Amino acid sequence: MNHLRAAAIALVLGLSFAGSAIAQDVRGMEVCTAEKQMERRTSCLQSNIEFLQRTLTKFTRETQDKFAAANRDLSAAKAEIAVLKVALEKVRVELADLKKAKAPAKPGNGPAR
């Protein structure tokens, strides 16, 4: 969770250095440069940090859910592949048995005509 806080702080600092035009492009972010009083500016920045932390937490949760779903799908696919490999080997064995059964008799070993 510390890396999320660090990322949020870095993003806020980056946005504050980039200027207010960029900060206005982020939905939910407040423009803190308009505040003249230091307490209000600090409160504004803290609000932005909290917003970014909530957003990062939400995106992290969504990403983890997507990874979990992908891992479940991958596990199911691996299980299906294992079943198909067993079935394929069974078919190969049956095919080999059929080829042995239908193999032509060598001359001299079969019944005379």
Protein backbone atom coordinates (compact mmCIF):
# COMPACT_ATOMS: atom_id res chain seq x y z
CA MET A 1 0.00 0.00 0.00
CA ASN A 2 3.00 2.27 0.51
CA HIS A 3 3.74 2.16 -3.19
CA LEU A 4 0.21 3.40 -3.87
CA ARG A 5 0.71 6.33 -1.52
CA ALA A 6 4.05 7.14 -3.14
CA ALA A 7 2.49 6.96 -6.60
CA ALA A 8 -0.37 9.21 -5.53
CA ILE A 9 2.01 11.76 -4.06
CA ALA A 10 4.21 11.64 -7.16
CA LEU A 11 1.17 12.13 -9.36
CA VAL A 12 -0.04 15.09 -7.30
CA LEU A 13 3.40 16.66 -7.36
CA GLY A 14 3.70 16.04 -11.07
CA LEU A 15 0.34 17.60 -11.71
CA SER A 16 1.10 20.59 -9.52
CA PHE A 17 4.39 21.20 -11.35
CA ALA A 18 2.81 20.70 -14.75
CA GLY A 19 0.40 23.55 -14.19
CA SER A 20 -3.26 23.97 -13.52
CA ALA A 21 -4.32 23.18 -17.09
CA ILE A 22 -3.35 19.53 -16.69
CA ALA A 23 -4.95 19.27 -13.25
CA GLN A 24 -8.23 20.47 -14.70
CA ASP A 25 -8.17 17.59 -17.19
CA VAL A 26 -8.36 15.02 -14.41
CA ARG A 27 -11.97 14.51 -13.44
CA GLY A 28 -12.35 14.82 -9.66
CA MET A 29 -9.18 16.83 -9.12
CA GLU A 30 -9.37 20.31 -7.68
CA VAL A 31 -7.26 23.23 -8.88
CA CYS A 32 -5.31 24.10 -5.74
CA THR A 33 -3.33 26.96 -7.25
CA ALA A 34 -6.43 29.17 -7.09
CA GLU A 35 -6.39 29.06 -3.29
CA LYS A 36 -4.61 32.02 -1.69
CA GLN A 37 -4.62 30.85 1.92
CA MET A 38 -2.01 28.23 2.78
CA GLU A 39 -4.46 26.21 4.95
CA ARG A 40 -6.98 26.02 2.15
CA ARG A 41 -4.30 25.14 -0.41
CA THR A 42 -2.98 22.39 1.90
CA SER A 43 -6.51 21.09 2.41
CA CYS A 44 -7.07 21.14 -1.34
CA LEU A 45 -3.87 19.19 -1.99
CA GLN A 46 -4.77 16.69 0.72
CA SER A 47 -8.18 16.27 -0.88
CA ASN A 48 -6.52 15.58 -4.21
CA ILE A 49 -4.18 13.04 -2.61
CA GLU A 50 -7.12 11.25 -0.99
CA PHE A 51 -8.97 11.26 -4.30
CA LEU A 52 -5.97 9.77 -6.08
CA GLN A 53 -5.49 7.15 -3.37
CA ARG A 54 -9.14 6.09 -3.66
CA THR A 55 -8.83 5.99 -7.45
CA LEU A 56 -5.61 3.96 -7.32
CA THR A 57 -7.15 1.57 -4.79
CA LYS A 58 -10.19 1.13 -7.03
CA PHE A 59 -8.06 0.51 -10.13
CA THR A 60 -5.79 -1.84 -8.19
CA ARG A 61 -8.78 -3.86 -7.00
CA GLU A 62 -10.24 -3.97 -10.52
CA THR A 63 -6.90 -5.04 -11.97
CA GLN A 64 -6.46 -7.75 -9.34
CA ASP A 65 -9.98 -9.01 -10.11
CA LYS A 66 -9.13 -9.14 -13.81
CA PHE A 67 -5.89 -11.01 -13.10
CA ALA A 68 -7.75 -13.46 -10.86
CA ALA A 69 -10.33 -14.08 -13.60
CA ALA A 70 -7.58 -14.54 -16.18
CA ASN A 71 -5.78 -16.99 -13.89
CA ARG A 72 -9.01 -18.96 -13.41
CA ASP A 73 -9.52 -19.07 -17.18
CA LEU A 74 -5.90 -20.15 -17.65
CA SER A 75 -6.25 -22.92 -15.06
CA ALA A 76 -9.42 -24.15 -16.74
CA ALA A 77 -7.69 -24.11 -20.14
CA LYS A 78 -4.72 -26.06 -18.74
CA ALA A 79 -7.07 -28.66 -17.25
CA GLU A 80 -8.89 -28.96 -20.57
CA ILE A 81 -5.58 -29.35 -22.44
CA ALA A 82 -4.55 -32.13 -20.05
CA VAL A 83 -7.84 -33.96 -20.69
CA LEU A 84 -7.42 -33.54 -24.44
CA LYS A 85 -3.84 -34.87 -24.30
CA VAL A 86 -5.07 -38.01 -22.54
CA ALA A 87 -7.85 -38.45 -25.10
CA LEU A 88 -5.40 -37.92 -27.98
CA GLU A 89 -3.00 -40.51 -26.60
CA LYS A 90 -5.89 -42.97 -26.27
CA VAL A 91 -6.83 -42.36 -29.92
CA ARG A 92 -3.18 -42.84 -30.98
CA VAL A 93 -3.01 -46.17 -29.15
CA GLU A 94 -6.29 -47.31 -30.72
CA LEU A 95 -5.08 -46.25 -34.17
CA ALA A 96 -1.81 -48.14 -33.71
CA ASP A 97 -3.79 -51.24 -32.65
CA LEU A 98 -6.00 -50.94 -35.74
CA LYS A 99 -2.96 -50.61 -38.01
CA LYS A 100 -1.43 -53.73 -36.44
CA ALA A 101 -4.67 -55.67 -36.90
CA LYS A 102 -4.98 -54.66 -40.56
CA ALA A 103 -1.33 -55.14 -41.44
CA PRO A 104 -1.01 -57.41 -44.50
CA ALA A 105 0.31 -60.86 -43.83
CA LYS A 106 3.81 -61.52 -45.10
CA PRO A 107 4.06 -63.95 -48.03
CA GLY A 108 4.59 -67.51 -46.90
CA ASN A 109 3.09 -66.97 -43.46
CA GLY A 110 -0.53 -66.94 -44.52
CA PRO A 111 -2.80 -69.81 -45.57
CA ALA A 112 -2.17 -71.27 -49.02
CA ARG A 113 -4.70 -70.59 -51.77
